[in-house]
Amino acid sequence: MRGALFFLAGLLPSVLAAPLSLGIAFSSTDGLPELTLPYATYKAYSYDVTDDYYTFKNIRFAAPPVGNLRWAKPAAPLTQSGVQDGTVGYQCMQAAPQQLFVAYPILQSLEPASEDCLFLDIQVPGAAVRGEVKDLPILFWIFGGGYVLGSKSFLLYDGNPFLKASGNNLIYVAPNYRLGAFGFLNGPTMESQGTPNAAFWDQRAALQWVQDYISLLGGDKTAVTAMGESAGAGSIMHHLTAQGGTLTPQFKRAILMSPAFEPLYDPGRLEKQYQTFEVKAGCKGLGLACLRTVSSDVLQAANVATVYDSPYGTFGYGPAVDNDFVRDLPGIELASGNYYKDVTIMLGHTSNEGFLFADPTKILNSQIDALLKDNFPNATTQNLADLETLYPEPSLFGTFLTNYARLSAIIGEWVVTCNFRYLAQAFPTKSWGYQFSVPPGIHGFDLILAFWRSDLNIGQVLQVDFDLDFVTQKNLATGFQSYITSFVRSGDPNTYKESGSVPPTATFPVTNAGDTVKVLDVNISGYSTINDPDMDKTRCAYWQSGAWTGR
């Protein structure tokens, strides 16, 4: 009996120990807040004393997707002891096509790359961390990069401009997601042995992290706005049509800047791409069981090689029809009513979307014909004739003066701008749209205004704010940012739009998709409402029909 009592006494400390206290506590050593989660504790990486916000870096939202977790849905993050200070983190494996390969070594030098890359960053107002305010809306940023490159930590991306524009009335969250072959290896073999479009499940895992834990930082999980550009916006479009609109997205609002993706739908082509990757990784005919055992270096070499060989203007990997998450091309799903409807959206595109992706060496009509046949292998003779009518050969007084302009229009509308129209049609009373016409109006150029900032901030080392009216505040950039943050805060870009700026902000119109689409034109001279010429009803209807797929 005495031994039993001693045994029970030994258990008492663990039985009676207080449960893990989740949430914020301030460190007694350096005064920085620590966020305690069920699986780890993360100390704020830095504090901006001028603008009063904390940055938490490299919070794990999933387990490292390695070994048997390659090409699988993300698993729960592993438990870590001690306090994590945000210094341990990686960008996902990068790759670049030949025409952009000069960027590859630059990207590699910015941050170490690893398969272990499922981290997110948070920037949160000091008042929320201190518990002085609560229920702040969330801006959830999904970066772009052709689905093969990019990172939450890319130099341009920083939540500071949005916190500043909102008056510290929002929280900024930015996750990584698997890229290239690691995130978008698709095709019938992948469908039977793994998880196609794995990167979309990464994004959902990060969004679920926000649902589970953002309240600990004063955030409102019911007021999440997913925002992305290019591949980031294309990702959001796929979330809206996920599983035919039956899979509920974990956001209430969405901002889609140039939603872009190459429509990949042909199982034969997808399987050929998969098999090419298998060969390059030394696993010919051995399936995912082999690919899950080879070294990360071998997989990355195969990833880089396959992306490098992509045709001009393409990136090799990207979202593809997988008969699960992506049941059909999003444009077709939207036309069929197969999408999640309980969201409000803000849309944008630039005035020259196709410029960067059109091959300047294709100058002859015969070259364009060959390119179209290669891109649309299942298209009938009539399909190709329809394209010829919609995008006629160049002539002095015709629609296009050169084949380069013609090809730019085909690519820009097929891959980007018509996606805008599909969404505007799907959300006729719950969407606002803009065209970004600031010269040269190329793809991604609106990011410069969206993330424009007037201060220099290098962690705790150097923080300098500049303040010169109409140069550092109340200008074209801050006006543009005010539309974004107003939408995040209220669901309407007009509610908190900046006043007294030069040039002045204008009323942001609700999209009205007729023969063209009513949008806010953002130009160097200011803001105005126009009927957007880049979203022609007839041409976009052809792309949305899917006739060119031959299915």
Protein backbone atom coordinates (compact mmCIF):
# COMPACT_ATOMS: atom_id res chain seq x y z
CA MET A 1 0.00 0.00 0.00
CA ARG A 2 2.81 2.37 0.93
CA GLY A 3 4.48 1.71 -2.45
CA ALA A 4 1.23 2.46 -4.24
CA LEU A 5 0.97 5.79 -2.44
CA PHE A 6 4.49 6.74 -3.44
CA PHE A 7 3.63 5.76 -7.03
CA LEU A 8 0.53 7.97 -7.05
CA ALA A 9 2.46 10.84 -5.47
CA GLY A 10 4.93 10.64 -8.31
CA LEU A 11 2.12 11.05 -10.82
CA LEU A 12 0.54 14.06 -9.10
CA PRO A 13 2.75 16.77 -10.63
CA SER A 14 1.89 15.69 -14.18
CA VAL A 15 -1.77 15.08 -13.42
CA LEU A 16 -2.26 18.44 -11.75
CA ALA A 17 -0.02 20.44 -14.08
CA ALA A 18 -1.75 23.40 -15.70
CA PRO A 19 -2.70 22.85 -19.37
CA LEU A 20 -0.55 24.47 -22.02
CA SER A 21 -1.45 28.16 -22.13
CA LEU A 22 -2.06 29.06 -25.75
CA GLY A 23 -1.71 32.61 -26.98
CA ILE A 24 0.59 35.56 -26.39
CA ALA A 25 3.02 36.19 -23.54
CA PHE A 26 5.78 38.77 -23.52
CA SER A 27 9.34 37.58 -23.00
CA SER A 28 11.00 38.74 -19.81
CA THR A 29 14.39 38.91 -21.56
CA ASP A 30 13.88 41.07 -24.65
CA GLY A 31 10.23 42.14 -24.39
CA LEU A 32 9.22 40.47 -27.65
CA PRO A 33 5.92 38.58 -27.62
CA GLU A 34 5.84 34.80 -27.83
CA LEU A 35 3.00 32.96 -29.54
CA THR A 36 2.33 29.58 -27.97
CA LEU A 37 0.59 27.02 -30.18
CA PRO A 38 -0.28 23.41 -29.33
CA TYR A 39 2.84 22.19 -31.13
CA ALA A 40 5.43 24.98 -30.72
CA THR A 41 6.14 28.44 -29.35
CA TYR A 42 7.25 31.22 -31.72
CA LYS A 43 8.84 34.47 -30.65
CA ALA A 44 8.26 37.58 -32.77
CA TYR A 45 11.14 38.05 -35.18
CA SER A 46 11.07 41.86 -35.04
CA TYR A 47 9.12 44.90 -33.95
CA ASP A 48 8.64 48.08 -35.99
CA VAL A 49 8.62 50.76 -33.33
CA THR A 50 7.62 53.53 -35.76
CA ASP A 51 4.56 51.79 -37.20
CA ASP A 52 3.85 49.59 -34.15
CA TYR A 53 3.60 46.10 -35.60
CA TYR A 54 5.27 42.76 -34.92
CA THR A 55 6.58 40.30 -37.47
CA PHE A 56 6.47 36.58 -36.78
CA LYS A 57 8.56 34.64 -39.30
CA ASN A 58 8.70 31.03 -40.37
CA ILE A 59 5.85 29.54 -38.39
CA ARG A 60 5.35 25.94 -39.49
CA PHE A 61 1.82 25.20 -40.64
CA ALA A 62 2.50 21.63 -41.82
CA ALA A 63 5.06 18.87 -41.49
CA PRO A 64 8.00 18.80 -43.95
CA PRO A 65 6.60 17.21 -47.15
CA VAL A 66 9.45 14.73 -47.57
CA GLY A 67 9.70 10.95 -47.93
CA ASN A 68 6.24 9.41 -47.91
CA LEU A 69 4.72 12.90 -47.55
CA ARG A 70 5.96 13.89 -51.01
CA TRP A 71 2.96 14.40 -53.33
CA ALA A 72 0.60 13.88 -50.41
CA LYS A 73 -1.74 16.25 -48.64
CA PRO A 74 0.15 18.22 -45.97
CA ALA A 75 0.30 16.63 -42.54
CA ALA A 76 0.02 18.40 -39.19
CA PRO A 77 3.17 20.21 -38.04
CA LEU A 78 5.50 18.29 -35.77
CA THR A 79 5.89 19.23 -32.11
CA GLN A 80 8.94 21.37 -31.34
CA SER A 81 10.39 22.11 -27.92
CA GLY A 82 11.89 25.41 -26.85
CA VAL A 83 11.15 28.80 -28.37
CA GLN A 84 11.48 29.25 -32.14
CA ASP A 85 12.80 32.68 -33.12
CA GLY A 86 11.93 32.69 -36.82
CA THR A 87 15.48 32.33 -38.09
CA VAL A 88 14.92 28.77 -39.33
CA GLY A 89 12.97 28.70 -42.58
CA TYR A 90 13.33 27.92 -46.26
CA GLN A 91 11.80 28.83 -49.57
CA CYS A 92 10.40 25.97 -51.64
CA MET A 93 12.44 24.46 -54.46
CA GLN A 94 12.76 26.95 -57.32
CA ALA A 95 12.93 26.47 -61.08
CA ALA A 96 12.72 28.73 -64.12
CA PRO A 97 12.17 28.31 -67.86
CA GLN A 98 14.99 29.11 -70.23
CA GLN A 99 13.92 32.70 -70.99
CA LEU A 100 13.82 33.51 -67.24
CA PHE A 101 16.73 31.38 -66.13
CA VAL A 102 18.80 34.44 -65.30
CA ALA A 103 16.46 34.82 -62.31
CA TYR A 104 17.20 31.33 -60.99
CA PRO A 105 20.57 32.05 -59.33
CA ILE A 106 19.17 35.29 -57.93
CA LEU A 107 16.26 33.45 -56.33
CA GLN A 108 18.61 30.81 -54.99
CA SER A 109 20.78 33.44 -53.33
CA LEU A 110 17.92 35.22 -51.54
CA GLU A 111 17.05 32.39 -49.16
CA PRO A 112 18.02 28.72 -48.77
CA ALA A 113 15.70 26.35 -50.63
CA SER A 114 14.44 23.03 -49.30
CA GLU A 115 11.55 20.61 -49.57
CA ASP A 116 11.01 21.54 -45.92
CA CYS A 117 9.38 24.85 -46.80
CA LEU A 118 5.83 24.92 -45.45
CA PHE A 119 6.16 28.04 -43.31
CA LEU A 120 4.12 31.23 -43.04
CA ASP A 121 4.88 34.78 -41.91
CA ILE A 122 2.56 37.11 -40.01
CA GLN A 123 2.63 40.87 -39.50
CA VAL A 124 0.24 42.00 -36.81
CA PRO A 125 -0.45 45.41 -35.23
CA GLY A 126 0.99 45.91 -31.78
CA ALA A 127 -2.42 46.82 -30.39
CA ALA A 128 -3.75 43.38 -31.39
CA VAL A 129 -0.77 41.58 -29.87
CA ARG A 130 -1.21 43.52 -26.63
CA GLY A 131 -4.93 42.66 -26.56
CA GLU A 132 -6.04 46.28 -26.98
CA VAL A 133 -8.05 45.45 -30.12
CA LYS A 134 -9.44 42.21 -31.47
CA ASP A 135 -11.29 40.72 -34.43
CA LEU A 136 -9.09 42.33 -37.06
CA PRO A 137 -9.63 41.17 -40.67
CA ILE A 138 -6.94 39.07 -42.37
CA LEU A 139 -5.14 39.72 -45.66
CA PHE A 140 -3.83 36.31 -46.75
CA TRP A 141 -1.22 36.75 -49.51
CA ILE A 142 -0.55 34.00 -52.08
CA PHE A 143 2.52 34.87 -54.18
CA GLY A 144 2.82 34.33 -57.92
CA GLY A 145 5.65 33.02 -60.08
CA GLY A 146 4.27 30.72 -62.76
CA TYR A 147 3.72 27.94 -60.19
CA VAL A 148 7.45 27.11 -60.36
CA LEU A 149 9.19 30.00 -58.56
CA GLY A 150 8.55 32.58 -55.86
CA SER A 151 8.40 32.80 -52.08
CA LYS A 152 6.56 34.50 -49.24
CA SER A 153 9.92 36.16 -48.47
CA PHE A 154 10.57 37.64 -51.91
CA LEU A 155 12.01 41.15 -51.51
CA LEU A 156 8.91 42.97 -52.79
CA TYR A 157 6.41 41.19 -50.56
CA ASP A 158 5.91 42.85 -47.20
CA GLY A 159 2.70 43.51 -45.33
CA ASN A 160 3.88 46.91 -44.07
CA PRO A 161 2.15 48.97 -46.83
CA PHE A 162 -1.18 47.29 -46.14
CA LEU A 163 -0.98 47.69 -42.38
CA LYS A 164 -0.07 51.33 -42.90
CA ALA A 165 -2.83 51.97 -45.45
CA SER A 166 -5.40 50.39 -43.15
CA GLY A 167 -4.31 52.35 -40.09
CA ASN A 168 -3.16 49.08 -38.50
CA ASN A 169 -6.62 47.61 -38.90
CA LEU A 170 -5.69 44.29 -40.48
CA ILE A 171 -3.32 41.34 -40.07
CA TYR A 172 -1.09 40.18 -42.95
CA VAL A 173 -0.36 36.46 -43.43
CA ALA A 174 1.85 35.00 -46.18
CA PRO A 175 2.56 31.27 -46.64
CA ASN A 176 4.81 29.22 -48.90
CA TYR A 177 3.49 26.36 -51.02
CA ARG A 178 5.21 23.62 -53.00
CA LEU A 179 6.28 24.62 -56.52
CA GLY A 180 7.09 22.99 -59.85
CA ALA A 181 7.17 19.21 -59.87
CA PHE A 182 6.98 19.14 -56.06
CA GLY A 183 3.59 20.88 -56.05
CA PHE A 184 2.13 20.38 -59.52
CA LEU A 185 3.19 16.97 -60.82
CA ASN A 186 -0.04 15.72 -62.37
CA GLY A 187 -1.46 13.07 -64.67
CA PRO A 188 -3.12 9.64 -64.36
CA THR A 189 -0.23 8.03 -62.44
CA MET A 190 -0.29 10.83 -59.89
CA GLU A 191 -4.07 10.52 -59.61
CA SER A 192 -3.77 6.81 -58.77
CA GLN A 193 -0.64 6.89 -56.56
CA GLY A 194 -0.49 10.34 -54.99
CA THR A 195 -2.13 13.75 -54.66
CA PRO A 196 -2.25 15.87 -57.82
CA ASN A 197 -2.08 19.65 -57.45
CA ALA A 198 -0.55 19.13 -54.00
CA ALA A 199 0.24 22.84 -53.71
CA PHE A 200 -3.44 23.72 -53.51
CA TRP A 201 -3.73 21.50 -50.44
CA ASP A 202 -0.73 23.36 -48.97
CA GLN A 203 -2.59 26.63 -49.44
CA ARG A 204 -5.67 25.15 -47.79
CA ALA A 205 -3.54 23.95 -44.87
CA ALA A 206 -2.20 27.49 -44.38
CA LEU A 207 -5.72 28.89 -44.58
CA GLN A 208 -6.80 26.29 -42.02
CA TRP A 209 -3.97 27.43 -39.74
CA VAL A 210 -5.52 30.90 -39.87
CA GLN A 211 -8.92 29.43 -38.99
CA ASP A 212 -7.41 27.57 -36.04
CA TYR A 213 -5.03 30.10 -34.53
CA ILE A 214 -5.37 33.67 -35.84
CA SER A 215 -7.72 34.58 -32.95
CA LEU A 216 -4.72 34.16 -30.61
CA LEU A 217 -3.27 37.24 -32.34
CA GLY A 218 -6.48 39.28 -32.32
CA GLY A 219 -7.64 38.20 -35.77
CA ASP A 220 -11.13 37.38 -37.01
CA LYS A 221 -11.18 34.00 -38.76
CA THR A 222 -14.52 34.86 -40.37
CA ALA A 223 -13.04 37.90 -42.16
CA VAL A 224 -10.25 36.42 -44.28
CA THR A 225 -9.42 37.91 -47.69
CA ALA A 226 -7.29 35.71 -49.94
CA MET A 227 -5.19 37.93 -52.21
CA GLY A 228 -2.85 36.82 -54.96
CA GLU A 229 -1.23 37.88 -58.20
CA SER A 230 -0.69 35.78 -61.35
CA ALA A 231 -0.22 32.20 -60.10
CA GLY A 232 -1.45 33.35 -56.69
CA ALA A 233 -4.67 34.71 -58.18
CA GLY A 234 -4.97 31.66 -60.45
CA SER A 235 -4.75 29.55 -57.31
CA ILE A 236 -7.63 31.48 -55.75
CA MET A 237 -9.70 30.92 -58.89
CA HIS A 238 -9.11 27.18 -58.48
CA HIS A 239 -10.14 27.36 -54.81
CA LEU A 240 -13.43 28.96 -55.87
CA THR A 241 -14.14 26.05 -58.23
CA ALA A 242 -12.54 23.31 -56.08
CA GLN A 243 -14.38 19.99 -56.40
CA GLY A 244 -16.96 21.70 -58.56
CA GLY A 245 -17.62 24.37 -55.95
CA THR A 246 -18.48 21.87 -53.23
CA LEU A 247 -15.26 22.33 -51.26
CA THR A 248 -15.76 25.40 -49.10
CA PRO A 249 -12.87 27.89 -49.35
CA GLN A 250 -11.58 29.19 -46.05
CA PHE A 251 -11.96 32.85 -47.01
CA LYS A 252 -14.82 35.34 -47.20
CA ARG A 253 -13.35 37.69 -49.80
CA ALA A 254 -10.80 37.43 -52.57
CA ILE A 255 -8.56 39.83 -54.50
CA LEU A 256 -7.39 38.34 -57.79
CA MET A 257 -4.69 40.34 -59.59
CA SER A 258 -4.18 38.96 -63.13
CA PRO A 259 -5.42 35.41 -62.41
CA ALA A 260 -3.13 33.35 -64.65
CA PHE A 261 -2.55 29.71 -65.52
CA GLU A 262 -1.97 27.69 -68.66
CA PRO A 263 -5.05 25.46 -68.99
CA LEU A 264 -3.73 21.89 -68.63
CA TYR A 265 -6.36 19.26 -69.22
CA ASP A 266 -5.10 16.53 -71.56
CA PRO A 267 -4.32 13.32 -69.60
CA GLY A 268 -1.98 12.07 -72.32
CA ARG A 269 0.19 15.19 -72.18
CA LEU A 270 0.13 15.26 -68.41
CA GLU A 271 1.20 11.62 -68.21
CA LYS A 272 4.00 12.26 -70.71
CA GLN A 273 5.26 15.10 -68.51
CA TYR A 274 5.11 12.85 -65.46
CA GLN A 275 7.04 10.09 -67.23
CA THR A 276 9.68 12.57 -68.38
CA PHE A 277 10.16 13.62 -64.76
CA GLU A 278 10.40 9.97 -63.68
CA VAL A 279 13.16 9.35 -66.21
CA LYS A 280 15.13 12.45 -65.23
CA ALA A 281 14.85 11.43 -61.56
CA GLY A 282 16.19 7.93 -62.28
CA CYS A 283 12.87 6.21 -61.53
CA LYS A 284 11.72 5.19 -65.01
CA GLY A 285 8.62 3.01 -64.71
CA LEU A 286 8.93 2.73 -60.92
CA GLY A 287 6.25 5.22 -59.89
CA LEU A 288 5.92 7.36 -56.78
CA ALA A 289 7.31 4.62 -54.54
CA CYS A 290 10.68 5.28 -56.16
CA LEU A 291 10.33 9.07 -56.36
CA ARG A 292 9.64 9.17 -52.63
CA THR A 293 12.97 7.52 -51.85
CA VAL A 294 15.45 9.41 -54.03
CA SER A 295 17.38 12.38 -52.69
CA SER A 296 16.04 15.91 -52.74
CA ASP A 297 18.97 16.95 -54.95
CA VAL A 298 18.04 14.39 -57.59
CA LEU A 299 14.41 15.51 -57.61
CA GLN A 300 15.42 19.16 -57.81
CA ALA A 301 17.75 18.49 -60.74
CA ALA A 302 14.86 16.80 -62.57
CA ASN A 303 12.55 19.68 -61.65
CA VAL A 304 14.97 22.33 -62.94
CA ALA A 305 15.61 20.38 -66.16
CA THR A 306 11.95 19.88 -67.03
CA VAL A 307 10.99 23.50 -66.31
CA TYR A 308 14.02 24.82 -68.22
CA ASP A 309 12.86 22.98 -71.36
CA SER A 310 9.39 24.55 -71.32
CA PRO A 311 8.24 26.27 -74.54
CA TYR A 312 8.61 30.06 -74.65
CA GLY A 313 6.16 31.83 -72.36
CA THR A 314 5.24 28.70 -70.39
CA PHE A 315 6.49 27.29 -67.09
CA GLY A 316 6.09 23.54 -67.50
CA TYR A 317 4.08 22.79 -64.39
CA GLY A 318 0.85 24.24 -63.11
CA PRO A 319 -2.74 23.46 -62.15
CA ALA A 320 -4.27 20.62 -64.15
CA VAL A 321 -7.58 18.82 -64.34
CA ASP A 322 -7.24 15.93 -61.86
CA ASN A 323 -10.85 14.76 -61.48
CA ASP A 324 -10.85 15.71 -57.81
CA PHE A 325 -9.74 19.17 -56.67
CA VAL A 326 -9.80 20.37 -60.30
CA ARG A 327 -12.73 18.55 -61.87
CA ASP A 328 -12.63 20.73 -64.97
CA LEU A 329 -11.07 23.97 -66.18
CA PRO A 330 -12.22 26.83 -63.92
CA GLY A 331 -13.74 28.84 -66.77
CA ILE A 332 -15.94 25.92 -67.73
CA GLU A 333 -16.88 25.31 -64.09
CA LEU A 334 -17.86 28.95 -63.66
CA ALA A 335 -20.02 28.85 -66.80
CA SER A 336 -21.72 25.70 -65.49
CA GLY A 337 -22.44 27.19 -62.07
CA ASN A 338 -20.02 24.80 -60.37
CA TYR A 339 -18.33 27.24 -58.01
CA TYR A 340 -18.56 28.52 -54.45
CA LYS A 341 -20.78 31.58 -54.53
CA ASP A 342 -20.70 33.02 -51.02
CA VAL A 343 -17.69 35.28 -51.52
CA THR A 344 -17.09 38.85 -52.64
CA ILE A 345 -14.27 39.51 -55.08
CA MET A 346 -12.03 42.29 -56.38
CA LEU A 347 -10.43 41.69 -59.78
CA GLY A 348 -7.53 43.24 -61.67
CA HIS A 349 -5.47 42.85 -64.82
CA THR A 350 -2.84 44.91 -66.59
CA SER A 351 -3.31 46.51 -70.00
CA ASN A 352 -0.62 44.42 -71.73
CA GLU A 353 -0.87 40.96 -70.19
CA GLY A 354 0.46 38.91 -73.11
CA PHE A 355 3.58 40.96 -73.83
CA LEU A 356 5.99 38.95 -71.65
CA PHE A 357 4.73 35.56 -72.81
CA ALA A 358 4.55 36.00 -76.59
CA ASP A 359 7.54 34.64 -78.52
CA PRO A 360 8.99 37.58 -80.51
CA THR A 361 10.53 35.19 -83.06
CA LYS A 362 7.10 34.10 -84.30
CA ILE A 363 6.63 36.72 -86.99
CA LEU A 364 5.12 34.71 -89.87
CA ASN A 365 1.52 33.58 -90.25
CA SER A 366 2.74 30.02 -90.77
CA GLN A 367 4.63 30.16 -87.47
CA ILE A 368 1.50 31.27 -85.61
CA ASP A 369 -0.52 28.50 -87.28
CA ALA A 370 2.04 25.91 -86.17
CA LEU A 371 2.10 27.30 -82.65
CA LEU A 372 -1.69 27.11 -82.35
CA LYS A 373 -1.75 23.51 -83.60
CA ASP A 374 0.92 22.58 -81.07
CA ASN A 375 -0.87 24.27 -78.17
CA PHE A 376 -4.30 22.94 -79.15
CA PRO A 377 -3.52 19.46 -80.52
CA ASN A 378 -7.09 18.21 -80.22
CA ALA A 379 -8.68 21.24 -81.87
CA THR A 380 -10.61 20.56 -85.05
CA THR A 381 -10.08 22.36 -88.34
CA GLN A 382 -13.19 24.38 -87.53
CA ASN A 383 -11.82 25.31 -84.09
CA LEU A 384 -8.65 26.67 -85.69
CA ALA A 385 -10.69 28.52 -88.30
CA ASP A 386 -12.70 30.13 -85.50
CA LEU A 387 -9.45 31.30 -83.89
CA GLU A 388 -8.39 32.75 -87.24
CA THR A 389 -11.63 34.73 -87.35
CA LEU A 390 -11.35 35.97 -83.76
CA TYR A 391 -7.65 36.82 -84.10
CA PRO A 392 -7.14 37.62 -87.81
CA GLU A 393 -3.79 37.73 -89.54
CA PRO A 394 -2.06 41.12 -89.32
CA SER A 395 -2.73 43.83 -91.87
CA LEU A 396 -2.14 47.53 -92.19
CA PHE A 397 -5.73 48.48 -91.34
CA GLY A 398 -6.76 45.32 -89.47
CA THR A 399 -7.12 44.38 -85.83
CA PHE A 400 -3.41 43.59 -85.50
CA LEU A 401 -0.50 45.27 -87.16
CA THR A 402 2.00 42.48 -86.39
CA ASN A 403 1.91 38.81 -85.48
CA TYR A 404 3.59 39.70 -82.20
CA ALA A 405 0.61 41.90 -81.27
CA ARG A 406 -1.72 39.13 -82.42
CA LEU A 407 0.07 36.46 -80.38
CA SER A 408 0.17 38.76 -77.33
CA ALA A 409 -3.60 39.18 -77.56
CA ILE A 410 -4.22 35.43 -77.90
CA ILE A 411 -2.03 34.52 -74.93
CA GLY A 412 -3.11 37.45 -72.77
CA GLU A 413 -6.80 36.69 -73.17
CA TRP A 414 -6.58 32.88 -73.09
CA VAL A 415 -4.34 32.76 -70.00
CA VAL A 416 -5.27 35.90 -68.02
CA THR A 417 -7.81 38.55 -68.96
CA CYS A 418 -10.70 36.30 -69.93
CA ASN A 419 -10.40 34.70 -66.49
CA PHE A 420 -11.29 38.15 -65.16
CA ARG A 421 -14.40 38.20 -67.35
CA TYR A 422 -15.49 34.70 -66.31
CA LEU A 423 -15.34 35.76 -62.66
CA ALA A 424 -17.11 39.06 -63.28
CA GLN A 425 -19.92 37.14 -64.97
CA ALA A 426 -20.08 34.60 -62.14
CA PHE A 427 -20.26 37.30 -59.42
CA PRO A 428 -22.25 40.04 -61.18
CA THR A 429 -23.25 42.03 -58.10
CA LYS A 430 -20.35 41.07 -55.83
CA SER A 431 -17.27 42.01 -57.84
CA TRP A 432 -15.22 45.12 -58.45
CA GLY A 433 -12.59 45.29 -61.18
CA TYR A 434 -9.69 47.42 -62.37
CA GLN A 435 -7.38 47.64 -65.36
CA PHE A 436 -3.83 48.70 -64.56
CA SER A 437 -2.71 50.91 -67.45
CA VAL A 438 0.36 52.59 -65.96
CA PRO A 439 2.95 52.22 -68.77
CA PRO A 440 4.18 49.73 -69.85
CA GLY A 441 1.21 47.86 -68.36
CA ILE A 442 2.96 44.49 -68.47
CA HIS A 443 2.00 41.47 -66.38
CA GLY A 444 2.83 41.96 -62.71
CA PHE A 445 3.42 45.70 -62.97
CA ASP A 446 0.58 46.49 -60.55
CA LEU A 447 2.56 44.76 -57.80
CA ILE A 448 4.84 47.80 -57.67
CA LEU A 449 2.00 50.03 -56.50
CA ALA A 450 0.40 47.37 -54.32
CA PHE A 451 3.60 46.83 -52.30
CA TRP A 452 5.07 50.33 -52.65
CA ARG A 453 6.44 51.68 -49.40
CA SER A 454 8.16 54.85 -48.27
CA ASP A 455 10.38 53.53 -45.52
CA LEU A 456 13.53 51.46 -45.17
CA ASN A 457 13.16 48.60 -42.73
CA ILE A 458 15.92 46.05 -42.16
CA GLY A 459 14.64 44.14 -39.14
CA GLN A 460 15.85 45.63 -35.88
CA VAL A 461 19.01 46.98 -37.50
CA LEU A 462 17.74 49.99 -39.44
CA GLN A 463 14.28 51.57 -39.52
CA VAL A 464 13.87 54.88 -41.30
CA ASP A 465 10.54 56.45 -42.33
CA PHE A 466 10.33 59.19 -44.93
CA ASP A 467 7.40 61.60 -44.85
CA LEU A 468 6.85 64.02 -47.73
CA ASP A 469 3.21 64.69 -48.59
CA PHE A 470 2.15 63.61 -52.13
CA VAL A 471 5.46 61.79 -52.54
CA THR A 472 5.42 59.32 -49.68
CA GLN A 473 1.72 59.59 -48.85
CA LYS A 474 -1.57 60.46 -50.58
CA ASN A 475 -0.33 59.58 -54.07
CA LEU A 476 -1.20 57.08 -56.80
CA ALA A 477 0.32 54.17 -54.87
CA THR A 478 -1.28 54.94 -51.52
CA GLY A 479 -4.62 55.49 -53.24
CA PHE A 480 -4.32 52.07 -54.89
CA GLN A 481 -3.41 50.49 -51.57
CA SER A 482 -6.38 52.14 -49.91
CA TYR A 483 -8.76 50.40 -52.33
CA ILE A 484 -7.18 47.06 -51.43
CA THR A 485 -7.27 47.55 -47.66
CA SER A 486 -10.78 49.03 -47.79
CA PHE A 487 -11.94 45.85 -49.51
CA VAL A 488 -10.17 43.69 -46.90
CA ARG A 489 -11.79 45.61 -44.07
CA SER A 490 -15.31 46.06 -45.42
CA GLY A 491 -15.81 44.04 -48.61
CA ASP A 492 -16.09 47.28 -50.61
CA PRO A 493 -13.04 49.10 -52.06
CA ASN A 494 -14.82 52.43 -51.69
CA THR A 495 -15.63 52.41 -47.96
CA TYR A 496 -12.20 53.44 -46.70
CA LYS A 497 -10.60 54.70 -49.92
CA GLU A 498 -8.10 57.50 -49.47
CA SER A 499 -9.30 61.11 -49.73
CA GLY A 500 -7.31 64.19 -50.60
CA SER A 501 -4.68 62.33 -52.60
CA VAL A 502 -2.97 63.49 -55.78
CA PRO A 503 -4.25 62.19 -58.13
CA PRO A 504 -7.58 61.82 -56.30
CA THR A 505 -9.21 58.43 -55.90
CA ALA A 506 -12.46 57.81 -57.77
CA THR A 507 -15.49 55.64 -57.10
CA PHE A 508 -14.57 52.03 -57.80
CA PRO A 509 -17.35 50.59 -60.01
CA VAL A 510 -19.06 47.25 -59.58
CA THR A 511 -18.20 45.19 -62.66
CA ASN A 512 -20.87 45.07 -65.32
CA ALA A 513 -20.09 42.40 -67.89
CA GLY A 514 -21.74 43.34 -71.17
CA ASP A 515 -19.99 43.42 -74.53
CA THR A 516 -17.03 44.65 -72.49
CA VAL A 517 -16.59 45.01 -68.71
CA LYS A 518 -16.87 48.20 -66.64
CA VAL A 519 -13.68 48.72 -64.61
CA LEU A 520 -11.64 51.32 -62.79
CA ASP A 521 -8.73 52.33 -65.02
CA VAL A 522 -5.54 52.94 -63.03
CA ASN A 523 -3.19 55.12 -65.06
CA ILE A 524 -0.28 57.44 -64.43
CA SER A 525 -2.68 60.37 -64.67
CA GLY A 526 -5.09 58.94 -62.13
CA TYR A 527 -8.30 56.95 -61.87
CA SER A 528 -11.33 56.81 -64.18
CA THR A 529 -14.12 54.41 -65.15
CA ILE A 530 -13.85 52.74 -68.57
CA ASN A 531 -15.40 49.93 -70.56
CA ASP A 532 -12.45 47.55 -70.69
CA PRO A 533 -11.53 46.70 -74.30
CA ASP A 534 -9.39 43.72 -73.30
CA MET A 535 -12.33 41.52 -72.30
CA ASP A 536 -14.26 41.19 -75.52
CA LYS A 537 -17.42 39.14 -75.00
CA THR A 538 -17.14 37.08 -78.18
CA ARG A 539 -13.47 36.14 -77.85
CA CYS A 540 -13.77 35.27 -74.14
CA ALA A 541 -16.91 33.21 -74.81
CA TYR A 542 -14.90 31.11 -77.26
CA TRP A 543 -12.18 30.41 -74.68
CA GLN A 544 -14.73 29.70 -71.96
CA SER A 545 -16.59 27.22 -74.18
CA GLY A 546 -13.59 24.89 -74.15
CA ALA A 547 -14.19 24.02 -77.82
CA TRP A 548 -10.46 24.33 -78.49
CA THR A 549 -9.76 21.42 -76.11
CA GLY A 550 -11.36 18.97 -78.55
CA ARG A 551 -13.15 17.21 -75.70
